[in-house]
Amino acid sequence: MRNYELMYIIRPDLEPDAVQAVTDKIQEVIRGGGGEIRKHEVMGKRRLAYEIGKFREGIYVLVLFSSEPSHVAELERVLRITDEVVRHLVIRDVVA
């Protein structure tokens, strides 16, 4: 298993319950593929560097997790089709 870092931005106009539902869904996708979440942090609403889809702000979420490389493609697919997620980035975390 490899270590990964996921940062995604959720639309700012969602209710807190909807934000919780999105984060639960992403966590379930990671765990469903045999992954292990090491850290999950909702960083809150922040201003975006540039406008994305008429939004000037977004709710940032950081997830550090371990997973098999083959499952990361499935996670990215789910993130792409989730309407509430504005942007996402998964990178391999190199631990020294």
PDB file of N, CA and C in Angstrom:
ATOM      1  N   MET A   1       0.842  -1.184   0.000  1.00  0.00           N
ATOM      2  CA  MET A   1       0.000   0.000   0.000  1.00  0.00           C
ATOM      3  C   MET A   1       0.886   1.246   0.000  1.00  0.00           C
ATOM      4  N   ARG A   2       0.417   2.256  -0.697  1.00  0.00           N
ATOM      5  CA  ARG A   2       1.146   3.512  -0.799  1.00  0.00           C
ATOM      6  C   ARG A   2       0.389   4.615  -0.071  1.00  0.00           C
ATOM      7  N   ASN A   3       1.119   5.638   0.318  1.00  0.00           N
ATOM      8  CA  ASN A   3       0.520   6.791   0.996  1.00  0.00           C
ATOM      9  C   ASN A   3       0.137   7.847  -0.031  1.00  0.00           C
ATOM     10  N   TYR A   4      -1.030   8.449   0.168  1.00  0.00           N
ATOM     11  CA  TYR A   4      -1.534   9.482  -0.732  1.00  0.00           C
ATOM     12  C   TYR A   4      -2.066  10.652   0.071  1.00  0.00           C
ATOM     13  N   GLU A   5      -2.107  11.802  -0.596  1.00  0.00           N
ATOM     14  CA  GLU A   5      -2.709  12.999  -0.032  1.00  0.00           C
ATOM     15  C   GLU A   5      -3.781  13.476  -1.005  1.00  0.00           C
ATOM     16  N   LEU A   6      -4.973  13.700  -0.493  1.00  0.00           N
ATOM     17  CA  LEU A   6      -6.105  14.154  -1.302  1.00  0.00           C
ATOM     18  C   LEU A   6      -6.571  15.494  -0.766  1.00  0.00           C
ATOM     19  N   MET A   7      -6.674  16.466  -1.649  1.00  0.00           N
ATOM     20  CA  MET A   7      -7.260  17.758  -1.300  1.00  0.00           C
ATOM     21  C   MET A   7      -8.420  17.966  -2.265  1.00  0.00           C
ATOM     22  N   TYR A   8      -9.603  18.227  -1.715  1.00  0.00           N
ATOM     23  CA  TYR A   8     -10.725  18.537  -2.591  1.00  0.00           C
ATOM     24  C   TYR A   8     -11.503  19.721  -2.045  1.00  0.00           C
ATOM     25  N   ILE A   9     -12.190  20.402  -2.965  1.00  0.00           N
ATOM     26  CA  ILE A   9     -12.941  21.614  -2.636  1.00  0.00           C
ATOM     27  C   ILE A   9     -14.415  21.350  -2.912  1.00  0.00           C
ATOM     28  N   ILE A  10     -15.228  21.601  -1.902  1.00  0.00           N
ATOM     29  CA  ILE A  10     -16.681  21.404  -1.998  1.00  0.00           C
ATOM     30  C   ILE A  10     -17.337  22.762  -2.213  1.00  0.00           C
ATOM     31  N   ARG A  11     -18.443  22.770  -2.950  1.00  0.00           N
ATOM     32  CA  ARG A  11     -19.193  24.008  -3.201  1.00  0.00           C
ATOM     33  C   ARG A  11     -19.534  24.710  -1.882  1.00  0.00           C
ATOM     34  N   PRO A  12     -19.415  26.031  -1.829  1.00  0.00           N
ATOM     35  CA  PRO A  12     -19.639  26.754  -0.567  1.00  0.00           C
ATOM     36  C   PRO A  12     -21.109  26.958  -0.202  1.00  0.00           C
ATOM     37  N   ASP A  13     -22.022  26.707  -1.132  1.00  0.00           N
ATOM     38  CA  ASP A  13     -23.435  26.979  -0.872  1.00  0.00           C
ATOM     39  C   ASP A  13     -24.176  25.794  -0.255  1.00  0.00           C
ATOM     40  N   LEU A  14     -23.467  24.743   0.134  1.00  0.00           N
ATOM     41  CA  LEU A  14     -24.105  23.562   0.720  1.00  0.00           C
ATOM     42  C   LEU A  14     -24.330  23.743   2.217  1.00  0.00           C
ATOM     43  N   GLU A  15     -25.372  23.103   2.707  1.00  0.00           N
ATOM     44  CA  GLU A  15     -25.654  23.074   4.142  1.00  0.00           C
ATOM     45  C   GLU A  15     -24.628  22.166   4.831  1.00  0.00           C
ATOM     46  N   PRO A  16     -24.405  22.358   6.138  1.00  0.00           N
ATOM     47  CA  PRO A  16     -23.438  21.504   6.851  1.00  0.00           C
ATOM     48  C   PRO A  16     -23.741  20.004   6.757  1.00  0.00           C
ATOM     49  N   ASP A  17     -25.023  19.644   6.723  1.00  0.00           N
ATOM     50  CA  ASP A  17     -25.387  18.227   6.588  1.00  0.00           C
ATOM     51  C   ASP A  17     -24.954  17.675   5.234  1.00  0.00           C
ATOM     52  N   ALA A  18     -25.091  18.470   4.189  1.00  0.00           N
ATOM     53  CA  ALA A  18     -24.694  18.038   2.846  1.00  0.00           C
ATOM     54  C   ALA A  18     -23.180  17.924   2.742  1.00  0.00           C
ATOM     55  N   VAL A  19     -22.458  18.838   3.389  1.00  0.00           N
ATOM     56  CA  VAL A  19     -20.997  18.757   3.400  1.00  0.00           C
ATOM     57  C   VAL A  19     -20.558  17.472   4.105  1.00  0.00           C
ATOM     58  N   GLN A  20     -21.199  17.168   5.226  1.00  0.00           N
ATOM     59  CA  GLN A  20     -20.885  15.941   5.960  1.00  0.00           C
ATOM     60  C   GLN A  20     -21.184  14.703   5.115  1.00  0.00           C
ATOM     61  N   ALA A  21     -22.268  14.729   4.358  1.00  0.00           N
ATOM     62  CA  ALA A  21     -22.619  13.600   3.497  1.00  0.00           C
ATOM     63  C   ALA A  21     -21.566  13.389   2.412  1.00  0.00           C
ATOM     64  N   VAL A  22     -21.053  14.473   1.825  1.00  0.00           N
ATOM     65  CA  VAL A  22     -20.021  14.359   0.788  1.00  0.00           C
ATOM     66  C   VAL A  22     -18.736  13.792   1.378  1.00  0.00           C
ATOM     67  N   THR A  23     -18.315  14.302   2.537  1.00  0.00           N
ATOM     68  CA  THR A  23     -17.084  13.797   3.147  1.00  0.00           C
ATOM     69  C   THR A  23     -17.225  12.340   3.558  1.00  0.00           C
ATOM     70  N   ASP A  24     -18.405  11.958   4.052  1.00  0.00           N
ATOM     71  CA  ASP A  24     -18.645  10.547   4.393  1.00  0.00           C
ATOM     72  C   ASP A  24     -18.578   9.661   3.156  1.00  0.00           C
ATOM     73  N   LYS A  25     -19.120  10.145   2.047  1.00  0.00           N
ATOM     74  CA  LYS A  25     -19.103   9.380   0.800  1.00  0.00           C
ATOM     75  C   LYS A  25     -17.673   9.135   0.329  1.00  0.00           C
ATOM     76  N   ILE A  26     -16.827  10.170   0.374  1.00  0.00           N
ATOM     77  CA  ILE A  26     -15.440  10.034  -0.067  1.00  0.00           C
ATOM     78  C   ILE A  26     -14.680   9.095   0.862  1.00  0.00           C
ATOM     79  N   GLN A  27     -14.909   9.219   2.169  1.00  0.00           N
ATOM     80  CA  GLN A  27     -14.252   8.320   3.115  1.00  0.00           C
ATOM     81  C   GLN A  27     -14.660   6.867   2.874  1.00  0.00           C
ATOM     82  N   GLU A  28     -15.926   6.658   2.560  1.00  0.00           N
ATOM     83  CA  GLU A  28     -16.416   5.298   2.311  1.00  0.00           C
ATOM     84  C   GLU A  28     -15.795   4.713   1.048  1.00  0.00           C
ATOM     85  N   VAL A  29     -15.581   5.537   0.026  1.00  0.00           N
ATOM     86  CA  VAL A  29     -14.932   5.062  -1.196  1.00  0.00           C
ATOM     87  C   VAL A  29     -13.502   4.624  -0.891  1.00  0.00           C
ATOM     88  N   ILE A  30     -12.802   5.414  -0.076  1.00  0.00           N
ATOM     89  CA  ILE A  30     -11.422   5.063   0.280  1.00  0.00           C
ATOM     90  C   ILE A  30     -11.389   3.768   1.081  1.00  0.00           C
ATOM     91  N   ARG A  31     -12.250   3.663   2.088  1.00  0.00           N
ATOM     92  CA  ARG A  31     -12.281   2.450   2.921  1.00  0.00           C
ATOM     93  C   ARG A  31     -12.802   1.241   2.148  1.00  0.00           C
ATOM     94  N   GLY A  32     -13.718   1.469   1.226  1.00  0.00           N
ATOM     95  CA  GLY A  32     -14.295   0.370   0.444  1.00  0.00           C
ATOM     96  C   GLY A  32     -13.279  -0.343  -0.430  1.00  0.00           C
ATOM     97  N   GLY A  33     -12.227   0.353  -0.817  1.00  0.00           N
ATOM     98  CA  GLY A  33     -11.177  -0.246  -1.625  1.00  0.00           C
ATOM     99  C   GLY A  33     -10.044  -0.811  -0.796  1.00  0.00           C
ATOM    100  N   GLY A  34     -10.264  -0.941   0.501  1.00  0.00           N
ATOM    101  CA  GLY A  34      -9.226  -1.474   1.368  1.00  0.00           C
ATOM    102  C   GLY A  34      -8.256  -0.421   1.862  1.00  0.00           C
ATOM    103  N   GLY A  35      -8.586   0.858   1.675  1.00  0.00           N
ATOM    104  CA  GLY A  35      -7.705   1.933   2.103  1.00  0.00           C
ATOM    105  C   GLY A  35      -7.849   2.242   3.586  1.00  0.00           C
ATOM    106  N   GLU A  36      -6.870   2.943   4.109  1.00  0.00           N
ATOM    107  CA  GLU A  36      -6.866   3.327   5.515  1.00  0.00           C
ATOM    108  C   GLU A  36      -6.653   4.835   5.607  1.00  0.00           C
ATOM    109  N   ILE A  37      -7.568   5.525   6.261  1.00  0.00           N
ATOM    110  CA  ILE A  37      -7.473   6.975   6.399  1.00  0.00           C
ATOM    111  C   ILE A  37      -6.630   7.290   7.631  1.00  0.00           C
ATOM    112  N   ARG A  38      -5.549   8.052   7.419  1.00  0.00           N
ATOM    113  CA  ARG A  38      -4.670   8.439   8.516  1.00  0.00           C
ATOM    114  C   ARG A  38      -5.064   9.781   9.102  1.00  0.00           C
ATOM    115  N   LYS A  39      -5.578  10.690   8.270  1.00  0.00           N
ATOM    116  CA  LYS A  39      -5.982  12.013   8.739  1.00  0.00           C
ATOM    117  C   LYS A  39      -7.091  12.528   7.833  1.00  0.00           C
ATOM    118  N   HIS A  40      -8.096  13.121   8.452  1.00  0.00           N
ATOM    119  CA  HIS A  40      -9.197  13.731   7.701  1.00  0.00           C
ATOM    120  C   HIS A  40      -9.500  15.067   8.365  1.00  0.00           C
ATOM    121  N   GLU A  41      -9.376  16.152   7.606  1.00  0.00           N
ATOM    122  CA  GLU A  41      -9.572  17.479   8.176  1.00  0.00           C
ATOM    123  C   GLU A  41     -10.394  18.347   7.224  1.00  0.00           C
ATOM    124  N   VAL A  42     -11.516  18.839   7.727  1.00  0.00           N
ATOM    125  CA  VAL A  42     -12.301  19.822   6.981  1.00  0.00           C
ATOM    126  C   VAL A  42     -11.736  21.180   7.386  1.00  0.00           C
ATOM    127  N   MET A  43     -11.072  21.831   6.450  1.00  0.00           N
ATOM    128  CA  MET A  43     -10.349  23.066   6.749  1.00  0.00           C
ATOM    129  C   MET A  43     -11.256  24.298   6.739  1.00  0.00           C
ATOM    130  N   GLY A  44     -12.476  24.131   6.287  1.00  0.00           N
ATOM    131  CA  GLY A  44     -13.436  25.234   6.308  1.00  0.00           C
ATOM    132  C   GLY A  44     -13.495  26.006   5.004  1.00  0.00           C
ATOM    133  N   LYS A  45     -14.301  27.055   5.025  1.00  0.00           N
ATOM    134  CA  LYS A  45     -14.534  27.872   3.832  1.00  0.00           C
ATOM    135  C   LYS A  45     -13.388  28.866   3.658  1.00  0.00           C
ATOM    136  N   ARG A  46     -12.835  28.876   2.445  1.00  0.00           N
ATOM    137  CA  ARG A  46     -11.738  29.788   2.126  1.00  0.00           C
ATOM    138  C   ARG A  46     -11.966  30.386   0.745  1.00  0.00           C
ATOM    139  N   ARG A  47     -11.339  31.507   0.522  1.00  0.00           N
ATOM    140  CA  ARG A  47     -11.439  32.184  -0.773  1.00  0.00           C
ATOM    141  C   ARG A  47     -10.571  31.459  -1.788  1.00  0.00           C
ATOM    142  N   LEU A  48     -11.116  31.283  -2.994  1.00  0.00           N
ATOM    143  CA  LEU A  48     -10.378  30.643  -4.074  1.00  0.00           C
ATOM    144  C   LEU A  48      -9.460  31.649  -4.755  1.00  0.00           C
ATOM    145  N   ALA A  49      -8.395  31.170  -5.355  1.00  0.00           N
ATOM    146  CA  ALA A  49      -7.461  32.042  -6.068  1.00  0.00           C
ATOM    147  C   ALA A  49      -8.113  32.627  -7.317  1.00  0.00           C
ATOM    148  N   TYR A  50      -9.022  31.867  -7.920  1.00  0.00           N
ATOM    149  CA  TYR A  50      -9.751  32.338  -9.092  1.00  0.00           C
ATOM    150  C   TYR A  50     -11.139  31.713  -9.071  1.00  0.00           C
ATOM    151  N   GLU A  51     -12.043  32.307  -9.797  1.00  0.00           N
ATOM    152  CA  GLU A  51     -13.428  31.845  -9.816  1.00  0.00           C
ATOM    153  C   GLU A  51     -13.537  30.490 -10.511  1.00  0.00           C
ATOM    154  N   ILE A  52     -14.243  29.574  -9.870  1.00  0.00           N
ATOM    155  CA  ILE A  52     -14.490  28.248 -10.447  1.00  0.00           C
ATOM    156  C   ILE A  52     -15.998  28.043 -10.487  1.00  0.00           C
ATOM    157  N   GLY A  53     -16.547  27.993 -11.685  1.00  0.00           N
ATOM    158  CA  GLY A  53     -17.986  27.750 -11.823  1.00  0.00           C
ATOM    159  C   GLY A  53     -18.842  28.741 -11.065  1.00  0.00           C
ATOM    160  N   LYS A  54     -18.515  30.018 -11.123  1.00  0.00           N
ATOM    161  CA  LYS A  54     -19.235  31.110 -10.477  1.00  0.00           C
ATOM    162  C   LYS A  54     -19.074  31.135  -8.957  1.00  0.00           C
ATOM    163  N   PHE A  55     -18.161  30.328  -8.416  1.00  0.00           N
ATOM    164  CA  PHE A  55     -17.900  30.336  -6.979  1.00  0.00           C
ATOM    165  C   PHE A  55     -16.586  31.051  -6.709  1.00  0.00           C
ATOM    166  N   ARG A  56     -16.594  31.944  -5.717  1.00  0.00           N
ATOM    167  CA  ARG A  56     -15.375  32.651  -5.297  1.00  0.00           C
ATOM    168  C   ARG A  56     -14.790  32.030  -4.030  1.00  0.00           C
ATOM    169  N   GLU A  57     -15.555  31.156  -3.372  1.00  0.00           N
ATOM    170  CA  GLU A  57     -15.112  30.478  -2.162  1.00  0.00           C
ATOM    171  C   GLU A  57     -15.367  28.993  -2.295  1.00  0.00           C
ATOM    172  N   GLY A  58     -14.750  28.222  -1.416  1.00  0.00           N
ATOM    173  CA  GLY A  58     -14.968  26.787  -1.400  1.00  0.00           C
ATOM    174  C   GLY A  58     -14.629  26.223  -0.036  1.00  0.00           C
ATOM    175  N   ILE A  59     -15.155  25.046   0.267  1.00  0.00           N
ATOM    176  CA  ILE A  59     -14.874  24.363   1.526  1.00  0.00           C
ATOM    177  C   ILE A  59     -13.772  23.344   1.250  1.00  0.00           C
ATOM    178  N   TYR A  60     -12.621  23.570   1.842  1.00  0.00           N
ATOM    179  CA  TYR A  60     -11.446  22.732   1.606  1.00  0.00           C
ATOM    180  C   TYR A  60     -11.440  21.540   2.551  1.00  0.00           C
ATOM    181  N   VAL A  61     -11.080  20.360   2.008  1.00  0.00           N
ATOM    182  CA  VAL A  61     -10.977  19.141   2.798  1.00  0.00           C
ATOM    183  C   VAL A  61      -9.656  18.457   2.457  1.00  0.00           C
ATOM    184  N   LEU A  62      -8.914  18.070   3.493  1.00  0.00           N
ATOM    185  CA  LEU A  62      -7.637  17.388   3.332  1.00  0.00           C
ATOM    186  C   LEU A  62      -7.756  15.978   3.889  1.00  0.00           C
ATOM    187  N   VAL A  63      -7.311  14.978   3.102  1.00  0.00           N
ATOM    188  CA  VAL A  63      -7.341  13.589   3.537  1.00  0.00           C
ATOM    189  C   VAL A  63      -5.981  12.963   3.247  1.00  0.00           C
ATOM    190  N   LEU A  64      -5.372  12.389   4.286  1.00  0.00           N
ATOM    191  CA  LEU A  64      -4.156  11.597   4.123  1.00  0.00           C
ATOM    192  C   LEU A  64      -4.566  10.146   4.290  1.00  0.00           C
ATOM    193  N   PHE A  65      -4.222   9.313   3.310  1.00  0.00           N
ATOM    194  CA  PHE A  65      -4.664   7.922   3.365  1.00  0.00           C
ATOM    195  C   PHE A  65      -3.653   6.999   2.707  1.00  0.00           C
ATOM    196  N   SER A  66      -3.795   5.712   2.993  1.00  0.00           N
ATOM    197  CA  SER A  66      -2.997   4.665   2.369  1.00  0.00           C
ATOM    198  C   SER A  66      -3.940   3.798   1.558  1.00  0.00           C
ATOM    199  N   SER A  67      -3.488   3.414   0.358  1.00  0.00           N
ATOM    200  CA  SER A  67      -4.336   2.612  -0.515  1.00  0.00           C
ATOM    201  C   SER A  67      -3.477   1.935  -1.576  1.00  0.00           C
ATOM    202  N   GLU A  68      -4.077   0.969  -2.226  1.00  0.00           N
ATOM    203  CA  GLU A  68      -3.431   0.338  -3.375  1.00  0.00           C
ATOM    204  C   GLU A  68      -3.515   1.299  -4.562  1.00  0.00           C
ATOM    205  N   PRO A  69      -2.478   1.365  -5.385  1.00  0.00           N
ATOM    206  CA  PRO A  69      -2.485   2.281  -6.538  1.00  0.00           C
ATOM    207  C   PRO A  69      -3.653   2.056  -7.495  1.00  0.00           C
ATOM    208  N   SER A  70      -4.104   0.827  -7.621  1.00  0.00           N
ATOM    209  CA  SER A  70      -5.200   0.536  -8.548  1.00  0.00           C
ATOM    210  C   SER A  70      -6.522   1.146  -8.083  1.00  0.00           C
ATOM    211  N   HIS A  71      -6.671   1.372  -6.787  1.00  0.00           N
ATOM    212  CA  HIS A  71      -7.927   1.914  -6.274  1.00  0.00           C
ATOM    213  C   HIS A  71      -8.003   3.434  -6.383  1.00  0.00           C
ATOM    214  N   VAL A  72      -6.876   4.094  -6.559  1.00  0.00           N
ATOM    215  CA  VAL A  72      -6.866   5.555  -6.658  1.00  0.00           C
ATOM    216  C   VAL A  72      -7.624   6.016  -7.905  1.00  0.00           C
ATOM    217  N   ALA A  73      -7.555   5.251  -8.975  1.00  0.00           N
ATOM    218  CA  ALA A  73      -8.295   5.600 -10.196  1.00  0.00           C
ATOM    219  C   ALA A  73      -9.804   5.595  -9.934  1.00  0.00           C
ATOM    220  N   GLU A  74     -10.285   4.640  -9.159  1.00  0.00           N
ATOM    221  CA  GLU A  74     -11.708   4.588  -8.816  1.00  0.00           C
ATOM    222  C   GLU A  74     -12.093   5.790  -7.948  1.00  0.00           C
ATOM    223  N   LEU A  75     -11.229   6.160  -7.007  1.00  0.00           N
ATOM    224  CA  LEU A  75     -11.487   7.318  -6.163  1.00  0.00           C
ATOM    225  C   LEU A  75     -11.579   8.587  -7.008  1.00  0.00           C
ATOM    226  N   GLU A  76     -10.667   8.770  -7.945  1.00  0.00           N
ATOM    227  CA  GLU A  76     -10.707   9.948  -8.811  1.00  0.00           C
ATOM    228  C   GLU A  76     -11.950   9.959  -9.686  1.00  0.00           C
ATOM    229  N   ARG A  77     -12.396   8.793 -10.142  1.00  0.00           N
ATOM    230  CA  ARG A  77     -13.621   8.715 -10.932  1.00  0.00           C
ATOM    231  C   ARG A  77     -14.818   9.196 -10.112  1.00  0.00           C
ATOM    232  N   VAL A  78     -14.902   8.748  -8.868  1.00  0.00           N
ATOM    233  CA  VAL A  78     -16.009   9.160  -7.995  1.00  0.00           C
ATOM    234  C   VAL A  78     -15.948  10.661  -7.725  1.00  0.00           C
ATOM    235  N   LEU A  79     -14.750  11.191  -7.509  1.00  0.00           N
ATOM    236  CA  LEU A  79     -14.609  12.627  -7.280  1.00  0.00           C
ATOM    237  C   LEU A  79     -15.036  13.437  -8.508  1.00  0.00           C
ATOM    238  N   ARG A  80     -14.709  12.940  -9.701  1.00  0.00           N
ATOM    239  CA  ARG A  80     -15.085  13.652 -10.939  1.00  0.00           C
ATOM    240  C   ARG A  80     -16.591  13.702 -11.142  1.00  0.00           C
ATOM    241  N   ILE A  81     -17.300  12.646 -10.782  1.00  0.00           N
ATOM    242  CA  ILE A  81     -18.739  12.612 -11.040  1.00  0.00           C
ATOM    243  C   ILE A  81     -19.578  13.156  -9.879  1.00  0.00           C
ATOM    244  N   THR A  82     -18.931  13.498  -8.765  1.00  0.00           N
ATOM    245  CA  THR A  82     -19.649  14.078  -7.634  1.00  0.00           C
ATOM    246  C   THR A  82     -19.840  15.573  -7.897  1.00  0.00           C
ATOM    247  N   ASP A  83     -21.087  15.989  -8.053  1.00  0.00           N
ATOM    248  CA  ASP A  83     -21.396  17.372  -8.417  1.00  0.00           C
ATOM    249  C   ASP A  83     -20.979  18.374  -7.354  1.00  0.00           C
ATOM    250  N   GLU A  84     -20.968  17.964  -6.096  1.00  0.00           N
ATOM    251  CA  GLU A  84     -20.643  18.899  -5.018  1.00  0.00           C
ATOM    252  C   GLU A  84     -19.146  19.226  -4.953  1.00  0.00           C
ATOM    253  N   VAL A  85     -18.309  18.385  -5.562  1.00  0.00           N
ATOM    254  CA  VAL A  85     -16.861  18.606  -5.552  1.00  0.00           C
ATOM    255  C   VAL A  85     -16.489  19.474  -6.748  1.00  0.00           C
ATOM    256  N   VAL A  86     -15.912  20.653  -6.457  1.00  0.00           N
ATOM    257  CA  VAL A  86     -15.554  21.609  -7.497  1.00  0.00           C
ATOM    258  C   VAL A  86     -14.211  21.237  -8.124  1.00  0.00           C
ATOM    259  N   ARG A  87     -13.211  20.946  -7.278  1.00  0.00           N
ATOM    260  CA  ARG A  87     -11.873  20.551  -7.729  1.00  0.00           C
ATOM    261  C   ARG A  87     -11.312  19.501  -6.778  1.00  0.00           C
ATOM    262  N   HIS A  88     -10.395  18.688  -7.289  1.00  0.00           N
ATOM    263  CA  HIS A  88      -9.714  17.710  -6.431  1.00  0.00           C
ATOM    264  C   HIS A  88      -8.314  17.452  -6.970  1.00  0.00           C
ATOM    265  N   LEU A  89      -7.451  16.978  -6.092  1.00  0.00           N
ATOM    266  CA  LEU A  89      -6.102  16.620  -6.472  1.00  0.00           C
ATOM    267  C   LEU A  89      -5.619  15.501  -5.561  1.00  0.00           C
ATOM    268  N   VAL A  90      -5.171  14.401  -6.156  1.00  0.00           N
ATOM    269  CA  VAL A  90      -4.603  13.284  -5.411  1.00  0.00           C
ATOM    270  C   VAL A  90      -3.130  13.193  -5.795  1.00  0.00           C
ATOM    271  N   ILE A  91      -2.267  13.227  -4.788  1.00  0.00           N
ATOM    272  CA  ILE A  91      -0.838  13.077  -5.053  1.00  0.00           C
ATOM    273  C   ILE A  91      -0.288  11.975  -4.161  1.00  0.00           C
ATOM    274  N   ARG A  92       0.787  11.357  -4.624  1.00  0.00           N
ATOM    275  CA  ARG A  92       1.445  10.331  -3.839  1.00  0.00           C
ATOM    276  C   ARG A  92       2.295  11.024  -2.781  1.00  0.00           C
ATOM    277  N   ASP A  93       2.113  10.652  -1.536  1.00  0.00           N
ATOM    278  CA  ASP A  93       2.817  11.253  -0.406  1.00  0.00           C
ATOM    279  C   ASP A  93       4.111  10.476  -0.182  1.00  0.00           C
ATOM    280  N   VAL A  94       5.235  11.130  -0.374  1.00  0.00           N
ATOM    281  CA  VAL A  94       6.521  10.475  -0.183  1.00  0.00           C
ATOM    282  C   VAL A  94       6.973  10.740   1.251  1.00  0.00           C
ATOM    283  N   VAL A  95       6.941   9.690   2.055  1.00  0.00           N
ATOM    284  CA  VAL A  95       7.335   9.809   3.461  1.00  0.00           C
ATOM    285  C   VAL A  95       8.800   9.416   3.566  1.00  0.00           C
ATOM    286  N   ALA A  96       9.611  10.324   4.097  1.00  0.00           N
ATOM    287  CA  ALA A  96      11.049  10.061   4.210  1.00  0.00           C
ATOM    288  C   ALA A  96      11.360   9.245   5.440  1.00  0.00           C
TER     289      ALA A  96
END
